[in-house]
Amino acid sequence: YASEWVTPQFRAITGYTWEEVRELGGWLRVIHPDDRAALVPFADRLL
């Protein structure tokens, strides 16, 4: 899923612009590696 719009506060929290997040390979790349696996049920529920 690609982002259509994010608030200005996004950069204040993460330090990134959304363009920089896309260049990293997406939002999952910003998430702490130890927490990525635990987000599978979250993603499955949304999908």
All heavy atoms as atom14 arrays in JSON, in Angstrom:
{
  "sequence": "YASEWVTPQFRAITGYTWEEVRELGGWLRVIHPDDRAALVPFADRLL",
  "atom14_mask": [
    [1, 1, 1, 1, 1, 1, 1, 1, 1, 1, 1, 1, 0, 0],
    [1, 1, 1, 1, 1, 0, 0, 0, 0, 0, 0, 0, 0, 0],
    [1, 1, 1, 1, 1, 1, 0, 0, 0, 0, 0, 0, 0, 0],
    [1, 1, 1, 1, 1, 1, 1, 1, 1, 0, 0, 0, 0, 0],
    [1, 1, 1, 1, 1, 1, 1, 1, 1, 1, 1, 1, 1, 1],
    [1, 1, 1, 1, 1, 1, 1, 0, 0, 0, 0, 0, 0, 0],
    [1, 1, 1, 1, 1, 1, 1, 0, 0, 0, 0, 0, 0, 0],
    [1, 1, 1, 1, 1, 1, 1, 0, 0, 0, 0, 0, 0, 0],
    [1, 1, 1, 1, 1, 1, 1, 1, 1, 0, 0, 0, 0, 0],
    [1, 1, 1, 1, 1, 1, 1, 1, 1, 1, 1, 0, 0, 0],
    [1, 1, 1, 1, 1, 1, 1, 1, 1, 1, 1, 0, 0, 0],
    [1, 1, 1, 1, 1, 0, 0, 0, 0, 0, 0, 0, 0, 0],
    [1, 1, 1, 1, 1, 1, 1, 1, 0, 0, 0, 0, 0, 0],
    [1, 1, 1, 1, 1, 1, 1, 0, 0, 0, 0, 0, 0, 0],
    [1, 1, 1, 1, 0, 0, 0, 0, 0, 0, 0, 0, 0, 0],
    [1, 1, 1, 1, 1, 1, 1, 1, 1, 1, 1, 1, 0, 0],
    [1, 1, 1, 1, 1, 1, 1, 0, 0, 0, 0, 0, 0, 0],
    [1, 1, 1, 1, 1, 1, 1, 1, 1, 1, 1, 1, 1, 1],
    [1, 1, 1, 1, 1, 1, 1, 1, 1, 0, 0, 0, 0, 0],
    [1, 1, 1, 1, 1, 1, 1, 1, 1, 0, 0, 0, 0, 0],
    [1, 1, 1, 1, 1, 1, 1, 0, 0, 0, 0, 0, 0, 0],
    [1, 1, 1, 1, 1, 1, 1, 1, 1, 1, 1, 0, 0, 0],
    [1, 1, 1, 1, 1, 1, 1, 1, 1, 0, 0, 0, 0, 0],
    [1, 1, 1, 1, 1, 1, 1, 1, 0, 0, 0, 0, 0, 0],
    [1, 1, 1, 1, 0, 0, 0, 0, 0, 0, 0, 0, 0, 0],
    [1, 1, 1, 1, 0, 0, 0, 0, 0, 0, 0, 0, 0, 0],
    [1, 1, 1, 1, 1, 1, 1, 1, 1, 1, 1, 1, 1, 1],
    [1, 1, 1, 1, 1, 1, 1, 1, 0, 0, 0, 0, 0, 0],
    [1, 1, 1, 1, 1, 1, 1, 1, 1, 1, 1, 0, 0, 0],
    [1, 1, 1, 1, 1, 1, 1, 0, 0, 0, 0, 0, 0, 0],
    [1, 1, 1, 1, 1, 1, 1, 1, 0, 0, 0, 0, 0, 0],
    [1, 1, 1, 1, 1, 1, 1, 1, 1, 1, 0, 0, 0, 0],
    [1, 1, 1, 1, 1, 1, 1, 0, 0, 0, 0, 0, 0, 0],
    [1, 1, 1, 1, 1, 1, 1, 1, 0, 0, 0, 0, 0, 0],
    [1, 1, 1, 1, 1, 1, 1, 1, 0, 0, 0, 0, 0, 0],
    [1, 1, 1, 1, 1, 1, 1, 1, 1, 1, 1, 0, 0, 0],
    [1, 1, 1, 1, 1, 0, 0, 0, 0, 0, 0, 0, 0, 0],
    [1, 1, 1, 1, 1, 0, 0, 0, 0, 0, 0, 0, 0, 0],
    [1, 1, 1, 1, 1, 1, 1, 1, 0, 0, 0, 0, 0, 0],
    [1, 1, 1, 1, 1, 1, 1, 0, 0, 0, 0, 0, 0, 0],
    [1, 1, 1, 1, 1, 1, 1, 0, 0, 0, 0, 0, 0, 0],
    [1, 1, 1, 1, 1, 1, 1, 1, 1, 1, 1, 0, 0, 0],
    [1, 1, 1, 1, 1, 0, 0, 0, 0, 0, 0, 0, 0, 0],
    [1, 1, 1, 1, 1, 1, 1, 1, 0, 0, 0, 0, 0, 0],
    [1, 1, 1, 1, 1, 1, 1, 1, 1, 1, 1, 0, 0, 0],
    [1, 1, 1, 1, 1, 1, 1, 1, 0, 0, 0, 0, 0, 0],
    [1, 1, 1, 1, 1, 1, 1, 1, 0, 0, 0, 0, 0, 0]
  ],
  "atom14_positions": [
    [[0.85, -1.19, 0.0], [0.0, 0.0, 0.0], [0.89, 1.25, 0.0], [1.76, 1.41, 0.85], [-0.92, 0.02, 1.22], [-2.1, -0.93, 1.08], [-1.94, -2.29, 1.32], [-3.36, -0.46, 0.7], [-3.0, -3.16, 1.18], [-4.42, -1.33, 0.56], [-4.25, -2.68, 0.81], [-5.3, -3.54, 0.68], [0.0, 0.0, 0.0], [0.0, 0.0, 0.0]],
    [[0.66, 2.12, -0.97], [1.42, 3.37, -1.08], [0.68, 4.48, -0.36], [-0.55, 4.46, -0.25], [1.63, 3.74, -2.54], [0.0, 0.0, 0.0], [0.0, 0.0, 0.0], [0.0, 0.0, 0.0], [0.0, 0.0, 0.0], [0.0, 0.0, 0.0], [0.0, 0.0, 0.0], [0.0, 0.0, 0.0], [0.0, 0.0, 0.0], [0.0, 0.0, 0.0]],
    [[1.42, 5.45, 0.15], [0.79, 6.55, 0.89], [0.31, 7.63, -0.06], [1.02, 8.03, -0.99], [1.8, 7.13, 1.87], [1.25, 8.24, 2.51], [0.0, 0.0, 0.0], [0.0, 0.0, 0.0], [0.0, 0.0, 0.0], [0.0, 0.0, 0.0], [0.0, 0.0, 0.0], [0.0, 0.0, 0.0], [0.0, 0.0, 0.0], [0.0, 0.0, 0.0]],
    [[-0.9, 8.09, 0.19], [-1.43, 9.21, -0.57], [-1.18, 10.54, 0.13], [-1.0, 11.57, -0.51], [-2.94, 9.03, -0.79], [-3.29, 7.8, -1.62], [-4.79, 7.66, -1.8], [-5.54, 8.53, -1.28], [-5.23, 6.68, -2.43], [0.0, 0.0, 0.0], [0.0, 0.0, 0.0], [0.0, 0.0, 0.0], [0.0, 0.0, 0.0], [0.0, 0.0, 0.0]],
    [[-1.18, 10.47, 1.49], [-1.02, 11.73, 2.24], [-0.61, 11.41, 3.68], [-1.09, 10.44, 4.27], [-2.34, 12.5, 2.23], [-2.32, 13.77, 3.05], [-1.82, 14.97, 2.66], [-2.83, 13.95, 4.38], [-1.97, 15.89, 3.65], [-2.59, 15.31, 4.73], [-3.45, 13.12, 5.29], [-2.96, 15.82, 5.95], [-3.81, 13.65, 6.51], [-3.57, 15.0, 6.83]],
    [[0.32, 12.2, 4.23], [0.69, 12.1, 5.65], [0.7, 13.51, 6.22], [0.9, 14.49, 5.49], [2.07, 11.44, 5.85], [2.04, 10.0, 5.41], [3.16, 12.22, 5.11], [0.0, 0.0, 0.0], [0.0, 0.0, 0.0], [0.0, 0.0, 0.0], [0.0, 0.0, 0.0], [0.0, 0.0, 0.0], [0.0, 0.0, 0.0], [0.0, 0.0, 0.0]],
    [[0.5, 13.62, 7.54], [0.46, 14.93, 8.18], [1.88, 15.47, 8.37], [2.86, 14.72, 8.36], [-0.2, 14.83, 9.57], [0.63, 14.02, 10.4], [-1.59, 14.19, 9.47], [0.0, 0.0, 0.0], [0.0, 0.0, 0.0], [0.0, 0.0, 0.0], [0.0, 0.0, 0.0], [0.0, 0.0, 0.0], [0.0, 0.0, 0.0], [0.0, 0.0, 0.0]],
    [[2.0, 16.77, 8.58], [3.34, 17.34, 8.84], [3.98, 16.79, 10.11], [5.19, 16.78, 10.24], [3.05, 18.85, 8.97], [1.77, 19.07, 8.24], [0.97, 17.81, 8.43], [0.0, 0.0, 0.0], [0.0, 0.0, 0.0], [0.0, 0.0, 0.0], [0.0, 0.0, 0.0], [0.0, 0.0, 0.0], [0.0, 0.0, 0.0], [0.0, 0.0, 0.0]],
    [[3.15, 16.33, 11.06], [3.69, 15.79, 12.3], [4.45, 14.48, 12.1], [5.23, 14.06, 12.95], [2.57, 15.56, 13.33], [2.02, 16.82, 13.96], [1.1, 17.59, 13.0], [0.57, 17.01, 12.05], [0.92, 18.88, 13.26], [0.0, 0.0, 0.0], [0.0, 0.0, 0.0], [0.0, 0.0, 0.0], [0.0, 0.0, 0.0], [0.0, 0.0, 0.0]],
    [[4.21, 13.84, 10.97], [4.9, 12.57, 10.7], [6.41, 12.76, 10.74], [7.12, 11.96, 11.35], [4.47, 12.05, 9.32], [5.14, 10.75, 8.94], [4.64, 9.54, 9.36], [6.29, 10.75, 8.16], [5.26, 8.35, 9.02], [6.92, 9.58, 7.8], [6.4, 8.36, 8.24], [0.0, 0.0, 0.0], [0.0, 0.0, 0.0], [0.0, 0.0, 0.0]],
    [[6.89, 13.84, 10.12], [8.33, 14.06, 10.11], [8.83, 14.42, 11.51], [9.95, 14.04, 11.88], [8.68, 15.16, 9.11], [10.19, 15.38, 8.99], [10.54, 16.23, 7.8], [11.99, 16.29, 7.61], [12.58, 16.84, 6.56], [11.85, 17.38, 5.58], [13.89, 16.86, 6.46], [0.0, 0.0, 0.0], [0.0, 0.0, 0.0], [0.0, 0.0, 0.0]],
    [[8.0, 15.15, 12.28], [8.42, 15.52, 13.63], [8.62, 14.27, 14.49], [9.51, 14.22, 15.35], [7.38, 16.43, 14.27], [0.0, 0.0, 0.0], [0.0, 0.0, 0.0], [0.0, 0.0, 0.0], [0.0, 0.0, 0.0], [0.0, 0.0, 0.0], [0.0, 0.0, 0.0], [0.0, 0.0, 0.0], [0.0, 0.0, 0.0], [0.0, 0.0, 0.0]],
    [[7.81, 13.23, 14.26], [7.92, 12.0, 15.06], [9.05, 11.11, 14.55], [9.85, 10.59, 15.33], [6.59, 11.23, 15.03], [5.49, 12.03, 15.75], [6.74, 9.85, 15.68], [4.11, 11.4, 15.66], [0.0, 0.0, 0.0], [0.0, 0.0, 0.0], [0.0, 0.0, 0.0], [0.0, 0.0, 0.0], [0.0, 0.0, 0.0], [0.0, 0.0, 0.0]],
    [[9.13, 10.92, 13.24], [10.05, 9.94, 12.69], [11.37, 10.53, 12.21], [12.36, 9.81, 12.08], [9.4, 9.21, 11.5], [9.21, 10.15, 10.42], [8.05, 8.62, 11.89], [0.0, 0.0, 0.0], [0.0, 0.0, 0.0], [0.0, 0.0, 0.0], [0.0, 0.0, 0.0], [0.0, 0.0, 0.0], [0.0, 0.0, 0.0], [0.0, 0.0, 0.0]],
    [[11.36, 11.81, 11.88], [12.55, 12.42, 11.29], [12.61, 12.27, 9.79], [13.47, 12.85, 9.12], [0.0, 0.0, 0.0], [0.0, 0.0, 0.0], [0.0, 0.0, 0.0], [0.0, 0.0, 0.0], [0.0, 0.0, 0.0], [0.0, 0.0, 0.0], [0.0, 0.0, 0.0], [0.0, 0.0, 0.0], [0.0, 0.0, 0.0], [0.0, 0.0, 0.0]],
    [[11.71, 11.45, 9.22], [11.7, 11.19, 7.79], [10.57, 11.96, 7.1], [9.5, 12.2, 7.69], [11.46, 9.7, 7.5], [12.57, 8.78, 7.91], [12.46, 8.0, 9.06], [13.71, 8.64, 7.12], [13.47, 7.12, 9.43], [14.73, 7.76, 7.48], [14.61, 7.0, 8.64], [15.6, 6.13, 8.99], [0.0, 0.0, 0.0], [0.0, 0.0, 0.0]],
    [[10.76, 12.29, 5.82], [9.64, 12.6, 4.95], [9.12, 11.27, 4.4], [9.81, 10.25, 4.46], [10.08, 13.49, 3.78], [11.01, 12.76, 2.96], [10.74, 14.77, 4.28], [0.0, 0.0, 0.0], [0.0, 0.0, 0.0], [0.0, 0.0, 0.0], [0.0, 0.0, 0.0], [0.0, 0.0, 0.0], [0.0, 0.0, 0.0], [0.0, 0.0, 0.0]],
    [[7.89, 11.29, 3.87], [7.37, 10.03, 3.33], [8.17, 9.57, 2.11], [8.33, 8.38, 1.87], [5.89, 10.15, 2.99], [5.31, 8.81, 2.64], [4.99, 8.34, 1.42], [5.07, 7.73, 3.56], [4.54, 7.06, 1.49], [4.58, 6.65, 2.79], [5.22, 7.59, 4.93], [4.22, 5.44, 3.38], [4.86, 6.38, 5.49], [4.37, 5.32, 4.72]],
    [[8.69, 10.52, 1.36], [9.52, 10.15, 0.21], [10.75, 9.37, 0.68], [11.18, 8.39, 0.05], [9.95, 11.4, -0.57], [8.83, 12.09, -1.35], [7.87, 12.83, -0.43], [8.25, 13.11, 0.74], [6.73, 13.12, -0.87], [0.0, 0.0, 0.0], [0.0, 0.0, 0.0], [0.0, 0.0, 0.0], [0.0, 0.0, 0.0], [0.0, 0.0, 0.0]],
    [[11.36, 9.8, 1.8], [12.52, 9.09, 2.33], [12.14, 7.7, 2.81], [12.93, 6.74, 2.69], [13.15, 9.89, 3.48], [13.84, 11.17, 3.02], [14.28, 12.04, 4.19], [13.59, 12.05, 5.22], [15.32, 12.71, 4.04], [0.0, 0.0, 0.0], [0.0, 0.0, 0.0], [0.0, 0.0, 0.0], [0.0, 0.0, 0.0], [0.0, 0.0, 0.0]],
    [[10.94, 7.55, 3.36], [10.47, 6.24, 3.79], [10.33, 5.31, 2.59], [10.72, 4.14, 2.63], [9.14, 6.36, 4.55], [8.54, 4.98, 4.83], [9.34, 7.1, 5.86], [0.0, 0.0, 0.0], [0.0, 0.0, 0.0], [0.0, 0.0, 0.0], [0.0, 0.0, 0.0], [0.0, 0.0, 0.0], [0.0, 0.0, 0.0], [0.0, 0.0, 0.0]],
    [[9.8, 5.83, 1.49], [9.66, 5.01, 0.27], [11.02, 4.58, -0.26], [11.21, 3.46, -0.71], [8.89, 5.79, -0.79], [7.37, 5.79, -0.58], [6.63, 6.05, -1.87], [6.99, 7.35, -2.44], [6.29, 8.46, -2.25], [5.2, 8.42, -1.5], [6.66, 9.59, -2.8], [0.0, 0.0, 0.0], [0.0, 0.0, 0.0], [0.0, 0.0, 0.0]],
    [[11.98, 5.51, -0.17], [13.33, 5.17, -0.65], [13.96, 4.07, 0.19], [14.76, 3.27, -0.31], [14.22, 6.42, -0.63], [13.82, 7.46, -1.68], [14.61, 8.75, -1.52], [15.51, 8.8, -0.65], [14.34, 9.72, -2.26], [0.0, 0.0, 0.0], [0.0, 0.0, 0.0], [0.0, 0.0, 0.0], [0.0, 0.0, 0.0], [0.0, 0.0, 0.0]],
    [[13.6, 4.01, 1.48], [14.11, 2.96, 2.35], [13.5, 1.59, 2.03], [14.07, 0.56, 2.39], [13.81, 3.29, 3.83], [14.64, 4.4, 4.48], [14.11, 4.67, 5.87], [16.11, 3.99, 4.55], [0.0, 0.0, 0.0], [0.0, 0.0, 0.0], [0.0, 0.0, 0.0], [0.0, 0.0, 0.0], [0.0, 0.0, 0.0], [0.0, 0.0, 0.0]],
    [[12.34, 1.61, 1.35], [11.67, 0.35, 1.04], [10.32, 0.22, 1.7], [9.76, -0.88, 1.75], [0.0, 0.0, 0.0], [0.0, 0.0, 0.0], [0.0, 0.0, 0.0], [0.0, 0.0, 0.0], [0.0, 0.0, 0.0], [0.0, 0.0, 0.0], [0.0, 0.0, 0.0], [0.0, 0.0, 0.0], [0.0, 0.0, 0.0], [0.0, 0.0, 0.0]],
    [[9.79, 1.31, 2.28], [8.47, 1.27, 2.87], [8.49, 1.4, 4.39], [9.54, 1.38, 5.03], [0.0, 0.0, 0.0], [0.0, 0.0, 0.0], [0.0, 0.0, 0.0], [0.0, 0.0, 0.0], [0.0, 0.0, 0.0], [0.0, 0.0, 0.0], [0.0, 0.0, 0.0], [0.0, 0.0, 0.0], [0.0, 0.0, 0.0], [0.0, 0.0, 0.0]],
    [[7.3, 1.53, 4.94], [7.13, 1.79, 6.37], [7.71, 0.68, 7.24], [8.24, 0.91, 8.33], [5.65, 1.99, 6.66], [5.28, 2.25, 8.09], [4.43, 1.53, 8.86], [5.76, 3.31, 8.93], [4.34, 2.06, 10.12], [5.15, 3.17, 10.2], [6.65, 4.36, 8.73], [5.39, 4.02, 11.25], [6.89, 5.22, 9.78], [6.27, 5.05, 11.03]],
    [[7.62, -0.57, 6.77], [8.13, -1.69, 7.55], [9.62, -1.55, 7.84], [10.13, -2.06, 8.83], [7.86, -3.01, 6.84], [6.41, -3.53, 6.89], [6.29, -4.82, 6.1], [5.94, -3.74, 8.32], [0.0, 0.0, 0.0], [0.0, 0.0, 0.0], [0.0, 0.0, 0.0], [0.0, 0.0, 0.0], [0.0, 0.0, 0.0], [0.0, 0.0, 0.0]],
    [[10.34, -0.85, 6.94], [11.78, -0.67, 7.15], [12.08, 0.28, 8.31], [13.17, 0.27, 8.87], [12.43, -0.14, 5.87], [12.35, -1.09, 4.7], [13.15, -2.34, 4.98], [13.1, -3.27, 3.86], [13.65, -4.47, 3.86], [14.28, -4.89, 4.95], [13.56, -5.27, 2.81], [0.0, 0.0, 0.0], [0.0, 0.0, 0.0], [0.0, 0.0, 0.0]],
    [[11.11, 1.11, 8.66], [11.29, 2.05, 9.76], [10.99, 1.36, 11.1], [11.57, 1.7, 12.13], [10.39, 3.29, 9.58], [10.56, 4.28, 10.73], [10.7, 3.97, 8.25], [0.0, 0.0, 0.0], [0.0, 0.0, 0.0], [0.0, 0.0, 0.0], [0.0, 0.0, 0.0], [0.0, 0.0, 0.0], [0.0, 0.0, 0.0], [0.0, 0.0, 0.0]],
    [[10.11, 0.36, 11.06], [9.72, -0.35, 12.28], [10.91, -1.14, 12.82], [11.69, -1.71, 12.06], [8.53, -1.28, 11.99], [7.3, -0.43, 11.6], [8.2, -2.15, 13.19], [6.11, -1.24, 11.15], [0.0, 0.0, 0.0], [0.0, 0.0, 0.0], [0.0, 0.0, 0.0], [0.0, 0.0, 0.0], [0.0, 0.0, 0.0], [0.0, 0.0, 0.0]],
    [[11.04, -1.16, 14.13], [12.14, -1.88, 14.78], [12.13, -3.34, 14.34], [11.07, -3.99, 14.34], [11.98, -1.79, 16.3], [13.18, -2.19, 17.08], [13.6, -3.48, 17.18], [14.07, -1.44, 17.79], [14.69, -3.55, 17.92], [15.01, -2.32, 18.31], [0.0, 0.0, 0.0], [0.0, 0.0, 0.0], [0.0, 0.0, 0.0], [0.0, 0.0, 0.0]],
    [[13.28, -3.89, 13.97], [13.3, -5.27, 13.46], [12.68, -6.28, 14.42], [12.05, -7.25, 13.98], [14.8, -5.54, 13.27], [15.43, -4.2, 13.1], [14.61, -3.26, 13.93], [0.0, 0.0, 0.0], [0.0, 0.0, 0.0], [0.0, 0.0, 0.0], [0.0, 0.0, 0.0], [0.0, 0.0, 0.0], [0.0, 0.0, 0.0], [0.0, 0.0, 0.0]],
    [[12.84, -6.07, 15.71], [12.3, -7.03, 16.69], [10.78, -7.0, 16.77], [10.18, -7.91, 17.36], [12.89, -6.77, 18.07], [14.38, -7.04, 18.14], [14.9, -7.71, 17.23], [15.03, -6.56, 19.1], [0.0, 0.0, 0.0], [0.0, 0.0, 0.0], [0.0, 0.0, 0.0], [0.0, 0.0, 0.0], [0.0, 0.0, 0.0], [0.0, 0.0, 0.0]],
    [[10.16, -5.95, 16.23], [8.7, -5.82, 16.34], [7.98, -6.14, 15.03], [6.74, -6.17, 15.01], [8.33, -4.38, 16.77], [8.72, -4.1, 18.2], [9.23, -5.01, 18.87], [8.53, -2.95, 18.66], [0.0, 0.0, 0.0], [0.0, 0.0, 0.0], [0.0, 0.0, 0.0], [0.0, 0.0, 0.0], [0.0, 0.0, 0.0], [0.0, 0.0, 0.0]],
    [[8.71, -6.38, 13.97], [8.04, -6.57, 12.67], [7.2, -7.84, 12.64], [6.07, -7.83, 12.14], [9.1, -6.61, 11.56], [9.77, -5.26, 11.33], [10.93, -5.37, 10.35], [11.68, -4.11, 10.3], [12.83, -3.97, 9.68], [13.39, -5.0, 9.04], [13.46, -2.81, 9.68], [0.0, 0.0, 0.0], [0.0, 0.0, 0.0], [0.0, 0.0, 0.0]],
    [[7.73, -8.92, 13.17], [6.99, -10.18, 13.14], [5.68, -10.09, 13.91], [4.66, -10.68, 13.52], [7.85, -11.32, 13.69], [0.0, 0.0, 0.0], [0.0, 0.0, 0.0], [0.0, 0.0, 0.0], [0.0, 0.0, 0.0], [0.0, 0.0, 0.0], [0.0, 0.0, 0.0], [0.0, 0.0, 0.0], [0.0, 0.0, 0.0], [0.0, 0.0, 0.0]],
    [[5.69, -9.31, 15.02], [4.48, -9.19, 15.84], [3.38, -8.4, 15.14], [2.23, -8.42, 15.58], [4.83, -8.52, 17.17], [0.0, 0.0, 0.0], [0.0, 0.0, 0.0], [0.0, 0.0, 0.0], [0.0, 0.0, 0.0], [0.0, 0.0, 0.0], [0.0, 0.0, 0.0], [0.0, 0.0, 0.0], [0.0, 0.0, 0.0], [0.0, 0.0, 0.0]],
    [[3.71, -7.71, 14.05], [2.71, -6.91, 13.33], [1.95, -7.72, 12.29], [1.04, -7.19, 11.65], [3.38, -5.71, 12.65], [3.81, -4.58, 13.59], [4.51, -3.48, 12.81], [2.62, -4.01, 14.32], [0.0, 0.0, 0.0], [0.0, 0.0, 0.0], [0.0, 0.0, 0.0], [0.0, 0.0, 0.0], [0.0, 0.0, 0.0], [0.0, 0.0, 0.0]],
    [[2.31, -8.98, 12.1], [1.62, -9.8, 11.1], [0.12, -9.9, 11.39], [-0.71, -9.69, 10.5], [2.27, -11.19, 11.01], [1.44, -12.12, 10.12], [3.69, -11.07, 10.47], [0.0, 0.0, 0.0], [0.0, 0.0, 0.0], [0.0, 0.0, 0.0], [0.0, 0.0, 0.0], [0.0, 0.0, 0.0], [0.0, 0.0, 0.0], [0.0, 0.0, 0.0]],
    [[-0.32, -10.19, 12.64], [-1.77, -10.23, 12.91], [-2.45, -8.88, 12.67], [-3.6, -8.84, 12.2], [-1.85, -10.63, 14.39], [-0.55, -11.3, 14.67], [0.46, -10.58, 13.82], [0.0, 0.0, 0.0], [0.0, 0.0, 0.0], [0.0, 0.0, 0.0], [0.0, 0.0, 0.0], [0.0, 0.0, 0.0], [0.0, 0.0, 0.0], [0.0, 0.0, 0.0]],
    [[-1.75, -7.79, 12.97], [-2.29, -6.44, 12.72], [-2.56, -6.25, 11.23], [-3.63, -5.8, 10.83], [-1.27, -5.42, 13.25], [-1.53, -3.99, 12.88], [-2.55, -3.28, 13.48], [-0.74, -3.36, 11.94], [-2.78, -1.94, 13.16], [-0.95, -2.02, 11.6], [-1.98, -1.32, 12.22], [0.0, 0.0, 0.0], [0.0, 0.0, 0.0], [0.0, 0.0, 0.0]],
    [[-1.58, -6.61, 10.41], [-1.74, -6.46, 8.97], [-2.82, -7.39, 8.43], [-3.63, -7.0, 7.58], [-0.41, -6.72, 8.28], [0.0, 0.0, 0.0], [0.0, 0.0, 0.0], [0.0, 0.0, 0.0], [0.0, 0.0, 0.0], [0.0, 0.0, 0.0], [0.0, 0.0, 0.0], [0.0, 0.0, 0.0], [0.0, 0.0, 0.0], [0.0, 0.0, 0.0]],
    [[-2.84, -8.63, 8.91], [-3.84, -9.58, 8.43], [-5.25, -9.1, 8.72], [-6.17, -9.26, 7.9], [-3.61, -10.95, 9.08], [-2.35, -11.63, 8.56], [-1.82, -11.2, 7.52], [-1.9, -12.6, 9.22], [0.0, 0.0, 0.0], [0.0, 0.0, 0.0], [0.0, 0.0, 0.0], [0.0, 0.0, 0.0], [0.0, 0.0, 0.0], [0.0, 0.0, 0.0]],
    [[-5.43, -8.5, 9.91], [-6.77, -8.02, 10.27], [-7.2, -6.89, 9.35], [-8.36, -6.83, 8.91], [-6.76, -7.55, 11.73], [-8.11, -7.13, 12.27], [-8.05, -6.82, 13.76], [-9.31, -6.32, 14.25], [-10.33, -7.07, 14.64], [-10.2, -8.39, 14.57], [-11.45, -6.54, 15.08], [0.0, 0.0, 0.0], [0.0, 0.0, 0.0], [0.0, 0.0, 0.0]],
    [[-6.3, -5.98, 9.04], [-6.63, -4.87, 8.14], [-6.96, -5.37, 6.74], [-7.93, -4.94, 6.11], [-5.46, -3.89, 8.08], [-5.22, -3.03, 9.32], [-3.92, -2.25, 9.18], [-6.39, -2.06, 9.54], [0.0, 0.0, 0.0], [0.0, 0.0, 0.0], [0.0, 0.0, 0.0], [0.0, 0.0, 0.0], [0.0, 0.0, 0.0], [0.0, 0.0, 0.0]],
    [[-6.15, -6.29, 6.23], [-6.36, -6.81, 4.87], [-7.65, -7.62, 4.79], [-8.23, -7.77, 3.7], [-5.17, -7.65, 4.45], [-3.84, -6.89, 4.33], [-2.72, -7.83, 3.94], [-3.97, -5.76, 3.3], [0.0, 0.0, 0.0], [0.0, 0.0, 0.0], [0.0, 0.0, 0.0], [0.0, 0.0, 0.0], [0.0, 0.0, 0.0], [0.0, 0.0, 0.0]]
  ]
}
